[in-house]
């Protein structure tokens, strides 16, 4: 996939950006263990993670929409299935991240802003 980054294909470009964002979230989640378990620093860190997971979810929705609009003549069935698999794997990864923060259906805006009335 390294050669895909400079591709003029909007789907490949968006996928590469989403993949980098997912890597970033994974890295930030890893750093979380070195922070105090309470206080403003961990809360800021956690809200940053939740925001990025939500952005990743939106990007994956966008990728799905882009994939459904690619004219059949532009890519082969094999390429289409490969992209569907790539997207499915990325969605699974994002769901795992969201699950680790108890985000149902990713975070909604109220949860991110701390205004949830559960």
PDB file of N, CA and C in Angstrom:
ATOM      1  N   UNK A   1       0.797  -1.203   0.000  1.00  0.00           N
ATOM      2  CA  UNK A   1       0.000   0.000   0.000  1.00  0.00           C
ATOM      3  C   UNK A   1       0.839   1.265   0.000  1.00  0.00           C
ATOM      4  N   UNK A   2       2.116   1.138   0.210  1.00  0.00           N
ATOM      5  CA  UNK A   2       2.963   2.324   0.277  1.00  0.00           C
ATOM      6  C   UNK A   2       2.871   3.155  -0.996  1.00  0.00           C
ATOM      7  N   UNK A   3       2.762   2.517  -2.136  1.00  0.00           N
ATOM      8  CA  UNK A   3       2.673   3.232  -3.395  1.00  0.00           C
ATOM      9  C   UNK A   3       1.319   3.868  -3.627  1.00  0.00           C
ATOM     10  N   UNK A   4       0.341   3.527  -2.797  1.00  0.00           N
ATOM     11  CA  UNK A   4      -1.017   4.020  -3.004  1.00  0.00           C
ATOM     12  C   UNK A   4      -1.190   5.463  -2.530  1.00  0.00           C
ATOM     13  N   UNK A   5      -0.314   5.941  -1.682  1.00  0.00           N
ATOM     14  CA  UNK A   5      -0.488   7.254  -1.072  1.00  0.00           C
ATOM     15  C   UNK A   5      -0.581   8.372  -2.100  1.00  0.00           C
ATOM     16  N   UNK A   6       0.218   8.307  -3.150  1.00  0.00           N
ATOM     17  CA  UNK A   6       0.222   9.389  -4.135  1.00  0.00           C
ATOM     18  C   UNK A   6      -0.778   9.156  -5.267  1.00  0.00           C
ATOM     19  N   UNK A   7      -1.628   8.168  -5.110  1.00  0.00           N
ATOM     20  CA  UNK A   7      -2.590   7.823  -6.147  1.00  0.00           C
ATOM     21  C   UNK A   7      -3.599   8.948  -6.372  1.00  0.00           C
ATOM     22  N   UNK A   8      -3.958   9.187  -7.641  1.00  0.00           N
ATOM     23  CA  UNK A   8      -4.977  10.195  -7.926  1.00  0.00           C
ATOM     24  C   UNK A   8      -6.395   9.693  -7.598  1.00  0.00           C
ATOM     25  N   UNK A   9      -6.531   8.397  -7.321  1.00  0.00           N
ATOM     26  CA  UNK A   9      -7.820   7.791  -7.003  1.00  0.00           C
ATOM     27  C   UNK A   9      -8.304   8.314  -5.639  1.00  0.00           C
ATOM     28  N   UNK A  10      -9.446   9.018  -5.613  1.00  0.00           N
ATOM     29  CA  UNK A  10      -9.929   9.598  -4.354  1.00  0.00           C
ATOM     30  C   UNK A  10     -10.173   8.547  -3.267  1.00  0.00           C
ATOM     31  N   UNK A  11     -10.636   7.362  -3.652  1.00  0.00           N
ATOM     32  CA  UNK A  11     -10.898   6.325  -2.652  1.00  0.00           C
ATOM     33  C   UNK A  11      -9.598   5.889  -1.983  1.00  0.00           C
ATOM     34  N   UNK A  12      -8.583   5.649  -2.783  1.00  0.00           N
ATOM     35  CA  UNK A  12      -7.293   5.203  -2.249  1.00  0.00           C
ATOM     36  C   UNK A  12      -6.690   6.292  -1.362  1.00  0.00           C
ATOM     37  N   UNK A  13      -6.802   7.531  -1.791  1.00  0.00           N
ATOM     38  CA  UNK A  13      -6.278   8.651  -1.004  1.00  0.00           C
ATOM     39  C   UNK A  13      -6.998   8.736   0.346  1.00  0.00           C
ATOM     40  N   UNK A  14      -8.316   8.651   0.324  1.00  0.00           N
ATOM     41  CA  UNK A  14      -9.112   8.718   1.554  1.00  0.00           C
ATOM     42  C   UNK A  14      -8.810   7.521   2.459  1.00  0.00           C
ATOM     43  N   UNK A  15      -8.635   6.357   1.855  1.00  0.00           N
ATOM     44  CA  UNK A  15      -8.309   5.162   2.643  1.00  0.00           C
ATOM     45  C   UNK A  15      -6.954   5.340   3.337  1.00  0.00           C
ATOM     46  N   UNK A  16      -5.979   5.862   2.612  1.00  0.00           N
ATOM     47  CA  UNK A  16      -4.642   6.080   3.188  1.00  0.00           C
ATOM     48  C   UNK A  16      -4.709   7.051   4.362  1.00  0.00           C
ATOM     49  N   UNK A  17      -5.485   8.123   4.205  1.00  0.00           N
ATOM     50  CA  UNK A  17      -5.643   9.094   5.292  1.00  0.00           C
ATOM     51  C   UNK A  17      -6.343   8.451   6.487  1.00  0.00           C
ATOM     52  N   UNK A  18      -7.354   7.638   6.222  1.00  0.00           N
ATOM     53  CA  UNK A  18      -8.072   6.953   7.294  1.00  0.00           C
ATOM     54  C   UNK A  18      -7.159   5.971   8.018  1.00  0.00           C
ATOM     55  N   UNK A  19      -6.334   5.292   7.259  1.00  0.00           N
ATOM     56  CA  UNK A  19      -5.396   4.337   7.840  1.00  0.00           C
ATOM     57  C   UNK A  19      -4.395   5.051   8.753  1.00  0.00           C
ATOM     58  N   UNK A  20      -3.906   6.202   8.305  1.00  0.00           N
ATOM     59  CA  UNK A  20      -2.981   6.983   9.147  1.00  0.00           C
ATOM     60  C   UNK A  20      -3.680   7.459  10.419  1.00  0.00           C
ATOM     61  N   UNK A  21      -4.937   7.876  10.296  1.00  0.00           N
ATOM     62  CA  UNK A  21      -5.699   8.314  11.462  1.00  0.00           C
ATOM     63  C   UNK A  21      -5.879   7.151  12.440  1.00  0.00           C
ATOM     64  N   UNK A  22      -6.201   5.971  11.929  1.00  0.00           N
ATOM     65  CA  UNK A  22      -6.361   4.790  12.785  1.00  0.00           C
ATOM     66  C   UNK A  22      -5.047   4.464  13.502  1.00  0.00           C
ATOM     67  N   UNK A  23      -3.929   4.562  12.787  1.00  0.00           N
ATOM     68  CA  UNK A  23      -2.614   4.329  13.407  1.00  0.00           C
ATOM     69  C   UNK A  23      -2.356   5.355  14.510  1.00  0.00           C
ATOM     70  N   UNK A  24      -2.736   6.597  14.247  1.00  0.00           N
ATOM     71  CA  UNK A  24      -2.568   7.675  15.219  1.00  0.00           C
ATOM     72  C   UNK A  24      -3.384   7.384  16.479  1.00  0.00           C
ATOM     73  N   UNK A  25      -4.635   6.968  16.298  1.00  0.00           N
ATOM     74  CA  UNK A  25      -5.502   6.653  17.436  1.00  0.00           C
ATOM     75  C   UNK A  25      -4.902   5.498  18.235  1.00  0.00           C
ATOM     76  N   UNK A  26      -4.428   4.467  17.543  1.00  0.00           N
ATOM     77  CA  UNK A  26      -3.820   3.319  18.218  1.00  0.00           C
ATOM     78  C   UNK A  26      -2.627   3.768  19.059  1.00  0.00           C
ATOM     79  N   UNK A  27      -1.819   4.634  18.500  1.00  0.00           N
ATOM     80  CA  UNK A  27      -0.647   5.156  19.209  1.00  0.00           C
ATOM     81  C   UNK A  27      -1.063   5.965  20.442  1.00  0.00           C
ATOM     82  N   UNK A  28      -2.065   6.814  20.279  1.00  0.00           N
ATOM     83  CA  UNK A  28      -2.536   7.650  21.390  1.00  0.00           C
ATOM     84  C   UNK A  28      -3.143   6.782  22.490  1.00  0.00           C
ATOM     85  N   UNK A  29      -3.874   5.743  22.099  1.00  0.00           N
ATOM     86  CA  UNK A  29      -4.443   4.826  23.089  1.00  0.00           C
ATOM     87  C   UNK A  29      -3.309   4.172  23.880  1.00  0.00           C
ATOM     88  N   UNK A  30      -2.238   3.812  23.189  1.00  0.00           N
ATOM     89  CA  UNK A  30      -1.083   3.213  23.853  1.00  0.00           C
ATOM     90  C   UNK A  30      -0.440   4.151  24.871  1.00  0.00           C
ATOM     91  N   UNK A  31      -0.428   5.444  24.571  1.00  0.00           N
ATOM     92  CA  UNK A  31       0.160   6.440  25.475  1.00  0.00           C
ATOM     93  C   UNK A  31      -0.692   6.647  26.722  1.00  0.00           C
ATOM     94  N   UNK A  32      -1.955   6.288  26.633  1.00  0.00           N
ATOM     95  CA  UNK A  32      -2.900   6.540  27.713  1.00  0.00           C
ATOM     96  C   UNK A  32      -2.471   5.876  29.018  1.00  0.00           C
ATOM     97  N   UNK A  33      -1.837   4.707  28.906  1.00  0.00           N
ATOM     98  CA  UNK A  33      -1.412   3.976  30.096  1.00  0.00           C
ATOM     99  C   UNK A  33      -0.377   4.706  30.928  1.00  0.00           C
ATOM    100  N   UNK A  34       0.352   5.628  30.325  1.00  0.00           N
ATOM    101  CA  UNK A  34       1.397   6.348  31.060  1.00  0.00           C
ATOM    102  C   UNK A  34       0.862   7.598  31.766  1.00  0.00           C
ATOM    103  N   UNK A  35      -0.425   7.878  31.592  1.00  0.00           N
ATOM    104  CA  UNK A  35      -1.021   9.064  32.214  1.00  0.00           C
ATOM    105  C   UNK A  35      -1.669   8.694  33.542  1.00  0.00           C
ATOM    106  N   UNK A  36      -1.827   9.679  34.439  1.00  0.00           N
ATOM    107  CA  UNK A  36      -2.559   9.405  35.688  1.00  0.00           C
ATOM    108  C   UNK A  36      -3.983   8.950  35.345  1.00  0.00           C
ATOM    109  N   UNK A  37      -4.550   8.105  36.168  1.00  0.00           N
ATOM    110  CA  UNK A  37      -5.861   7.532  35.857  1.00  0.00           C
ATOM    111  C   UNK A  37      -7.028   8.473  36.123  1.00  0.00           C
ATOM    112  N   UNK A  38      -6.756   9.647  36.670  1.00  0.00           N
ATOM    113  CA  UNK A  38      -7.824  10.634  36.849  1.00  0.00           C
ATOM    114  C   UNK A  38      -7.226  12.027  36.696  1.00  0.00           C
ATOM    115  N   UNK A  39      -8.096  12.995  36.592  1.00  0.00           N
ATOM    116  CA  UNK A  39      -7.634  14.373  36.458  1.00  0.00           C
ATOM    117  C   UNK A  39      -7.819  14.909  35.057  1.00  0.00           C
ATOM    118  N   UNK A  40      -7.524  16.200  34.891  1.00  0.00           N
ATOM    119  CA  UNK A  40      -7.791  16.870  33.610  1.00  0.00           C
ATOM    120  C   UNK A  40      -6.968  16.322  32.447  1.00  0.00           C
ATOM    121  N   UNK A  41      -5.734  15.886  32.715  1.00  0.00           N
ATOM    122  CA  UNK A  41      -4.881  15.408  31.626  1.00  0.00           C
ATOM    123  C   UNK A  41      -5.468  14.154  30.968  1.00  0.00           C
ATOM    124  N   UNK A  42      -5.888  13.188  31.782  1.00  0.00           N
ATOM    125  CA  UNK A  42      -6.459  11.950  31.216  1.00  0.00           C
ATOM    126  C   UNK A  42      -7.801  12.245  30.554  1.00  0.00           C
ATOM    127  N   UNK A  43      -8.561  13.184  31.103  1.00  0.00           N
ATOM    128  CA  UNK A  43      -9.855  13.529  30.497  1.00  0.00           C
ATOM    129  C   UNK A  43      -9.651  14.173  29.128  1.00  0.00           C
ATOM    130  N   UNK A  44      -8.662  15.062  29.026  1.00  0.00           N
ATOM    131  CA  UNK A  44      -8.344  15.700  27.741  1.00  0.00           C
ATOM    132  C   UNK A  44      -7.886  14.649  26.731  1.00  0.00           C
ATOM    133  N   UNK A  45      -7.022  13.769  27.214  1.00  0.00           N
ATOM    134  CA  UNK A  45      -6.484  12.704  26.363  1.00  0.00           C
ATOM    135  C   UNK A  45      -7.622  11.813  25.844  1.00  0.00           C
ATOM    136  N   UNK A  46      -8.509  11.412  26.759  1.00  0.00           N
ATOM    137  CA  UNK A  46      -9.634  10.545  26.394  1.00  0.00           C
ATOM    138  C   UNK A  46     -10.576  11.239  25.418  1.00  0.00           C
ATOM    139  N   UNK A  47     -10.891  12.513  25.665  1.00  0.00           N
ATOM    140  CA  UNK A  47     -11.807  13.199  24.741  1.00  0.00           C
ATOM    141  C   UNK A  47     -11.160  13.350  23.366  1.00  0.00           C
ATOM    142  N   UNK A  48      -9.844  13.524  23.318  1.00  0.00           N
ATOM    143  CA  UNK A  48      -9.136  13.577  22.036  1.00  0.00           C
ATOM    144  C   UNK A  48      -9.242  12.262  21.285  1.00  0.00           C
ATOM    145  N   UNK A  49      -9.102  11.164  22.016  1.00  0.00           N
ATOM    146  CA  UNK A  49      -9.232   9.834  21.406  1.00  0.00           C
ATOM    147  C   UNK A  49     -10.648   9.644  20.864  1.00  0.00           C
ATOM    148  N   UNK A  50     -11.641   9.987  21.679  1.00  0.00           N
ATOM    149  CA  UNK A  50     -13.040   9.817  21.260  1.00  0.00           C
ATOM    150  C   UNK A  50     -13.347  10.644  20.018  1.00  0.00           C
ATOM    151  N   UNK A  51     -12.827  11.874  19.981  1.00  0.00           N
ATOM    152  CA  UNK A  51     -13.034  12.734  18.813  1.00  0.00           C
ATOM    153  C   UNK A  51     -12.445  12.094  17.562  1.00  0.00           C
ATOM    154  N   UNK A  52     -11.210  11.594  17.692  1.00  0.00           N
ATOM    155  CA  UNK A  52     -10.545  10.991  16.531  1.00  0.00           C
ATOM    156  C   UNK A  52     -11.256   9.718  16.075  1.00  0.00           C
ATOM    157  N   UNK A  53     -11.762   8.934  17.019  1.00  0.00           N
ATOM    158  CA  UNK A  53     -12.506   7.725  16.642  1.00  0.00           C
ATOM    159  C   UNK A  53     -13.772   8.119  15.883  1.00  0.00           C
ATOM    160  N   UNK A  54     -14.425   9.182  16.330  1.00  0.00           N
ATOM    161  CA  UNK A  54     -15.632   9.658  15.649  1.00  0.00           C
ATOM    162  C   UNK A  54     -15.305  10.139  14.236  1.00  0.00           C
ATOM    163  N   UNK A  55     -14.210  10.878  14.095  1.00  0.00           N
ATOM    164  CA  UNK A  55     -13.774  11.340  12.767  1.00  0.00           C
ATOM    165  C   UNK A  55     -13.472  10.141  11.879  1.00  0.00           C
ATOM    166  N   UNK A  56     -12.804   9.137  12.447  1.00  0.00           N
ATOM    167  CA  UNK A  56     -12.502   7.925  11.688  1.00  0.00           C
ATOM    168  C   UNK A  56     -13.798   7.261  11.213  1.00  0.00           C
ATOM    169  N   UNK A  57     -14.797   7.196  12.077  1.00  0.00           N
ATOM    170  CA  UNK A  57     -16.087   6.615  11.697  1.00  0.00           C
ATOM    171  C   UNK A  57     -16.718   7.347  10.524  1.00  0.00           C
ATOM    172  N   UNK A  58     -16.636   8.672  10.549  1.00  0.00           N
ATOM    173  CA  UNK A  58     -17.184   9.468   9.439  1.00  0.00           C
ATOM    174  C   UNK A  58     -16.417   9.209   8.149  1.00  0.00           C
ATOM    175  N   UNK A  59     -15.094   9.108   8.270  1.00  0.00           N
ATOM    176  CA  UNK A  59     -14.279   8.839   7.078  1.00  0.00           C
ATOM    177  C   UNK A  59     -14.609   7.471   6.492  1.00  0.00           C
ATOM    178  N   UNK A  60     -14.858   6.502   7.350  1.00  0.00           N
ATOM    179  CA  UNK A  60     -15.196   5.167   6.854  1.00  0.00           C
ATOM    180  C   UNK A  60     -16.556   5.184   6.159  1.00  0.00           C
ATOM    181  N   UNK A  61     -17.493   5.962   6.688  1.00  0.00           N
ATOM    182  CA  UNK A  61     -18.788   6.123   6.008  1.00  0.00           C
ATOM    183  C   UNK A  61     -18.585   6.753   4.634  1.00  0.00           C
ATOM    184  N   UNK A  62     -17.709   7.745   4.575  1.00  0.00           N
ATOM    185  CA  UNK A  62     -17.398   8.413   3.312  1.00  0.00           C
ATOM    186  C   UNK A  62     -16.757   7.435   2.326  1.00  0.00           C
ATOM    187  N   UNK A  63     -15.843   6.599   2.821  1.00  0.00           N
ATOM    188  CA  UNK A  63     -15.204   5.592   1.965  1.00  0.00           C
ATOM    189  C   UNK A  63     -16.238   4.630   1.394  1.00  0.00           C
ATOM    190  N   UNK A  64     -17.182   4.232   2.240  1.00  0.00           N
ATOM    191  CA  UNK A  64     -18.227   3.319   1.785  1.00  0.00           C
ATOM    192  C   UNK A  64     -19.059   3.965   0.680  1.00  0.00           C
ATOM    193  N   UNK A  65     -19.397   5.234   0.862  1.00  0.00           N
ATOM    194  CA  UNK A  65     -20.169   5.957  -0.151  1.00  0.00           C
ATOM    195  C   UNK A  65     -19.369   6.104  -1.444  1.00  0.00           C
ATOM    196  N   UNK A  66     -18.092   6.457  -1.321  1.00  0.00           N
ATOM    197  CA  UNK A  66     -17.236   6.580  -2.512  1.00  0.00           C
ATOM    198  C   UNK A  66     -17.158   5.256  -3.264  1.00  0.00           C
ATOM    199  N   UNK A  67     -17.016   4.175  -2.510  1.00  0.00           N
ATOM    200  CA  UNK A  67     -16.888   2.854  -3.122  1.00  0.00           C
ATOM    201  C   UNK A  67     -18.149   2.486  -3.905  1.00  0.00           C
ATOM    202  N   UNK A  68     -19.296   2.849  -3.364  1.00  0.00           N
ATOM    203  CA  UNK A  68     -20.551   2.509  -4.038  1.00  0.00           C
ATOM    204  C   UNK A  68     -20.773   3.338  -5.305  1.00  0.00           C
ATOM    205  N   UNK A  69     -20.040   4.458  -5.429  1.00  0.00           N
ATOM    206  CA  UNK A  69     -20.219   5.333  -6.596  1.00  0.00           C
ATOM    207  C   UNK A  69     -19.160   5.147  -7.680  1.00  0.00           C
ATOM    208  N   UNK A  70     -18.208   4.246  -7.466  1.00  0.00           N
ATOM    209  CA  UNK A  70     -17.176   4.032  -8.487  1.00  0.00           C
ATOM    210  C   UNK A  70     -17.820   3.329  -9.681  1.00  0.00           C
ATOM    211  N   UNK A  71     -17.743   3.919 -10.865  1.00  0.00           N
ATOM    212  CA  UNK A  71     -18.317   3.269 -12.051  1.00  0.00           C
ATOM    213  C   UNK A  71     -17.644   1.910 -12.297  1.00  0.00           C
ATOM    214  N   UNK A  72     -18.434   0.877 -12.613  1.00  0.00           N
ATOM    215  CA  UNK A  72     -17.894  -0.475 -12.809  1.00  0.00           C
ATOM    216  C   UNK A  72     -16.751  -0.550 -13.823  1.00  0.00           C
ATOM    217  N   UNK A  73     -16.743   0.346 -14.784  1.00  0.00           N
ATOM    218  CA  UNK A  73     -15.690   0.287 -15.808  1.00  0.00           C
ATOM    219  C   UNK A  73     -14.337   0.771 -15.287  1.00  0.00           C
ATOM    220  N   UNK A  74     -14.338   1.481 -14.159  1.00  0.00           N
ATOM    221  CA  UNK A  74     -13.080   2.028 -13.646  1.00  0.00           C
ATOM    222  C   UNK A  74     -12.249   1.026 -12.849  1.00  0.00           C
ATOM    223  N   UNK A  75     -12.908   0.061 -12.198  1.00  0.00           N
ATOM    224  CA  UNK A  75     -12.147  -0.955 -11.465  1.00  0.00           C
ATOM    225  C   UNK A  75     -12.745  -2.337 -11.726  1.00  0.00           C
ATOM    226  N   UNK A  76     -11.901  -3.355 -11.608  1.00  0.00           N
ATOM    227  CA  UNK A  76     -12.359  -4.729 -11.821  1.00  0.00           C
ATOM    228  C   UNK A  76     -13.114  -5.214 -10.587  1.00  0.00           C
ATOM    229  N   UNK A  77     -13.846  -6.306 -10.752  1.00  0.00           N
ATOM    230  CA  UNK A  77     -14.539  -6.907  -9.609  1.00  0.00           C
ATOM    231  C   UNK A  77     -13.546  -7.281  -8.516  1.00  0.00           C
ATOM    232  N   UNK A  78     -12.397  -7.788  -8.944  1.00  0.00           N
ATOM    233  CA  UNK A  78     -11.367  -8.187  -7.978  1.00  0.00           C
ATOM    234  C   UNK A  78     -10.907  -6.979  -7.159  1.00  0.00           C
ATOM    235  N   UNK A  79     -10.684  -5.844  -7.833  1.00  0.00           N
ATOM    236  CA  UNK A  79     -10.276  -4.624  -7.127  1.00  0.00           C
ATOM    237  C   UNK A  79     -11.387  -4.140  -6.190  1.00  0.00           C
ATOM    238  N   UNK A  80     -12.622  -4.230  -6.659  1.00  0.00           N
ATOM    239  CA  UNK A  80     -13.756  -3.815  -5.840  1.00  0.00           C
ATOM    240  C   UNK A  80     -13.834  -4.660  -4.575  1.00  0.00           C
ATOM    241  N   UNK A  81     -13.698  -5.980  -4.729  1.00  0.00           N
ATOM    242  CA  UNK A  81     -13.762  -6.872  -3.566  1.00  0.00           C
ATOM    243  C   UNK A  81     -12.597  -6.619  -2.611  1.00  0.00           C
ATOM    244  N   UNK A  82     -11.433  -6.333  -3.164  1.00  0.00           N
ATOM    245  CA  UNK A  82     -10.273  -6.030  -2.317  1.00  0.00           C
ATOM    246  C   UNK A  82     -10.546  -4.770  -1.497  1.00  0.00           C
ATOM    247  N   UNK A  83     -11.107  -3.749  -2.140  1.00  0.00           N
ATOM    248  CA  UNK A  83     -11.419  -2.507  -1.424  1.00  0.00           C
ATOM    249  C   UNK A  83     -12.493  -2.746  -0.367  1.00  0.00           C
ATOM    250  N   UNK A  84     -13.484  -3.576  -0.698  1.00  0.00           N
ATOM    251  CA  UNK A  84     -14.519  -3.892   0.288  1.00  0.00           C
ATOM    252  C   UNK A  84     -13.902  -4.586   1.502  1.00  0.00           C
ATOM    253  N   UNK A  85     -12.958  -5.500   1.257  1.00  0.00           N
ATOM    254  CA  UNK A  85     -12.271  -6.190   2.358  1.00  0.00           C
ATOM    255  C   UNK A  85     -11.440  -5.211   3.186  1.00  0.00           C
ATOM    256  N   UNK A  86     -10.723  -4.323   2.497  1.00  0.00           N
ATOM    257  CA  UNK A  86      -9.907  -3.322   3.199  1.00  0.00           C
ATOM    258  C   UNK A  86     -10.795  -2.453   4.094  1.00  0.00           C
ATOM    259  N   UNK A  87     -11.931  -2.030   3.551  1.00  0.00           N
ATOM    260  CA  UNK A  87     -12.862  -1.193   4.294  1.00  0.00           C
ATOM    261  C   UNK A  87     -13.447  -1.958   5.478  1.00  0.00           C
ATOM    262  N   UNK A  88     -13.817  -3.207   5.249  1.00  0.00           N
ATOM    263  CA  UNK A  88     -14.371  -4.040   6.311  1.00  0.00           C
ATOM    264  C   UNK A  88     -13.365  -4.216   7.454  1.00  0.00           C
ATOM    265  N   UNK A  89     -12.110  -4.461   7.099  1.00  0.00           N
ATOM    266  CA  UNK A  89     -11.070  -4.614   8.122  1.00  0.00           C
ATOM    267  C   UNK A  89     -10.868  -3.323   8.909  1.00  0.00           C
ATOM    268  N   UNK A  90     -10.883  -2.199   8.202  1.00  0.00           N
ATOM    269  CA  UNK A  90     -10.707  -0.910   8.873  1.00  0.00           C
ATOM    270  C   UNK A  90     -11.898  -0.622   9.792  1.00  0.00           C
ATOM    271  N   UNK A  91     -13.112  -0.972   9.345  1.00  0.00           N
ATOM    272  CA  UNK A  91     -14.299  -0.775  10.186  1.00  0.00           C
ATOM    273  C   UNK A  91     -14.202  -1.621  11.450  1.00  0.00           C
ATOM    274  N   UNK A  92     -13.732  -2.858  11.304  1.00  0.00           N
ATOM    275  CA  UNK A  92     -13.566  -3.732  12.471  1.00  0.00           C
ATOM    276  C   UNK A  92     -12.571  -3.124  13.453  1.00  0.00           C
ATOM    277  N   UNK A  93     -11.496  -2.603  12.923  1.00  0.00           N
ATOM    278  CA  UNK A  93     -10.477  -1.968  13.757  1.00  0.00           C
ATOM    279  C   UNK A  93     -11.061  -0.763  14.503  1.00  0.00           C
ATOM    280  N   UNK A  94     -11.832   0.058  13.789  1.00  0.00           N
ATOM    281  CA  UNK A  94     -12.447   1.235  14.410  1.00  0.00           C
ATOM    282  C   UNK A  94     -13.456   0.817  15.478  1.00  0.00           C
ATOM    283  N   UNK A  95     -14.216  -0.247  15.207  1.00  0.00           N
ATOM    284  CA  UNK A  95     -15.196  -0.726  16.195  1.00  0.00           C
ATOM    285  C   UNK A  95     -14.494  -1.219  17.455  1.00  0.00           C
ATOM    286  N   UNK A  96     -13.356  -1.893  17.283  1.00  0.00           N
ATOM    287  CA  UNK A  96     -12.587  -2.334  18.449  1.00  0.00           C
ATOM    288  C   UNK A  96     -12.123  -1.142  19.279  1.00  0.00           C
ATOM    289  N   UNK A  97     -11.654  -0.107  18.599  1.00  0.00           N
ATOM    290  CA  UNK A  97     -11.228   1.105  19.308  1.00  0.00           C
ATOM    291  C   UNK A  97     -12.408   1.710  20.062  1.00  0.00           C
ATOM    292  N   UNK A  98     -13.537   1.825  19.381  1.00  0.00           N
ATOM    293  CA  UNK A  98     -14.729   2.416  19.992  1.00  0.00           C
ATOM    294  C   UNK A  98     -15.201   1.574  21.172  1.00  0.00           C
ATOM    295  N   UNK A  99     -15.168   0.257  21.017  1.00  0.00           N
ATOM    296  CA  UNK A  99     -15.598  -0.647  22.084  1.00  0.00           C
ATOM    297  C   UNK A  99     -14.715  -0.482  23.312  1.00  0.00           C
ATOM    298  N   UNK A 100     -13.427  -0.258  23.089  1.00  0.00           N
ATOM    299  CA  UNK A 100     -12.522  -0.100  24.228  1.00  0.00           C
ATOM    300  C   UNK A 100     -12.850   1.157  25.034  1.00  0.00           C
ATOM    301  N   UNK A 101     -13.628   2.043  24.466  1.00  0.00           N
ATOM    302  CA  UNK A 101     -14.054   3.253  25.176  1.00  0.00           C
ATOM    303  C   UNK A 101     -15.564   3.266  25.401  1.00  0.00           C
ATOM    304  N   UNK A 102     -16.185   2.094  25.277  1.00  0.00           N
ATOM    305  CA  UNK A 102     -17.633   1.972  25.483  1.00  0.00           C
ATOM    306  C   UNK A 102     -18.434   2.972  24.665  1.00  0.00           C
ATOM    307  N   UNK A 103     -18.025   3.183  23.429  1.00  0.00           N
ATOM    308  CA  UNK A 103     -18.743   4.096  22.542  1.00  0.00           C
ATOM    309  C   UNK A 103     -19.735   3.267  21.742  1.00  0.00           C
ATOM    310  N   UNK A 104     -21.000   3.437  22.016  1.00  0.00           N
ATOM    311  CA  UNK A 104     -21.971   2.700  21.226  1.00  0.00           C
ATOM    312  C   UNK A 104     -22.170   3.432  19.914  1.00  0.00           C
ATOM    313  N   UNK A 105     -22.027   2.685  18.815  1.00  0.00           N
ATOM    314  CA  UNK A 105     -22.232   3.279  17.488  1.00  0.00           C
ATOM    315  C   UNK A 105     -21.313   4.479  17.277  1.00  0.00           C
ATOM    316  N   UNK A 106     -20.101   4.387  17.745  1.00  0.00           N
ATOM    317  CA  UNK A 106     -19.139   5.486  17.826  1.00  0.00           C
ATOM    318  C   UNK A 106     -19.722   6.541  18.765  1.00  0.00           C
ATOM    319  N   UNK A 107     -19.041   7.625  18.955  1.00  0.00           N
ATOM    320  CA  UNK A 107     -19.518   8.626  19.914  1.00  0.00           C
ATOM    321  C   UNK A 107     -20.513   9.560  19.245  1.00  0.00           C
ATOM    322  N   UNK A 108     -21.524   9.933  20.004  1.00  0.00           N
ATOM    323  CA  UNK A 108     -22.396  10.965  19.444  1.00  0.00           C
ATOM    324  C   UNK A 108     -21.926  12.310  19.979  1.00  0.00           C
ATOM    325  N   UNK A 109     -22.397  13.347  19.412  1.00  0.00           N
ATOM    326  CA  UNK A 109     -21.908  14.690  19.726  1.00  0.00           C
ATOM    327  C   UNK A 109     -22.072  15.026  21.211  1.00  0.00           C
ATOM    328  N   UNK A 110     -23.188  14.637  21.808  1.00  0.00           N
ATOM    329  CA  UNK A 110     -23.432  14.961  23.214  1.00  0.00           C
ATOM    330  C   UNK A 110     -22.395  14.297  24.114  1.00  0.00           C
ATOM    331  N   UNK A 111     -22.052  13.042  23.811  1.00  0.00           N
ATOM    332  CA  UNK A 111     -21.043  12.355  24.616  1.00  0.00           C
ATOM    333  C   UNK A 111     -19.701  13.057  24.511  1.00  0.00           C
ATOM    334  N   UNK A 112     -19.344  13.485  23.310  1.00  0.00           N
ATOM    335  CA  UNK A 112     -18.061  14.163  23.124  1.00  0.00           C
ATOM    336  C   UNK A 112     -18.008  15.477  23.894  1.00  0.00           C
ATOM    337  N   UNK A 113     -19.139  16.141  23.973  1.00  0.00           N
ATOM    338  CA  UNK A 113     -19.178  17.433  24.645  1.00  0.00           C
ATOM    339  C   UNK A 113     -19.505  17.303  26.128  1.00  0.00           C
ATOM    340  N   UNK A 114     -19.697  16.064  26.599  1.00  0.00           N
ATOM    341  CA  UNK A 114     -19.980  15.843  28.007  1.00  0.00           C
ATOM    342  C   UNK A 114     -21.378  16.255  28.413  1.00  0.00           C
ATOM    343  N   UNK A 115     -22.317  16.256  27.476  1.00  0.00           N
ATOM    344  CA  UNK A 115     -23.677  16.706  27.773  1.00  0.00           C
ATOM    345  C   UNK A 115     -24.673  15.552  27.769  1.00  0.00           C
ATOM    346  N   UNK A 116     -24.174  14.340  27.828  1.00  0.00           N
ATOM    347  CA  UNK A 116     -25.055  13.177  27.790  1.00  0.00           C
ATOM    348  C   UNK A 116     -25.895  13.131  29.064  1.00  0.00           C
ATOM    349  N   UNK A 117     -27.160  12.789  28.925  1.00  0.00           N
ATOM    350  CA  UNK A 117     -28.060  12.753  30.078  1.00  0.00           C
ATOM    351  C   UNK A 117     -28.518  11.325  30.338  1.00  0.00           C
ATOM    352  N   UNK A 118     -27.563  10.435  30.545  1.00  0.00           N
ATOM    353  CA  UNK A 118     -27.901   9.017  30.748  1.00  0.00           C
ATOM    354  C   UNK A 118     -28.364   8.784  32.164  1.00  0.00           C
TER     355      UNK A 118
END
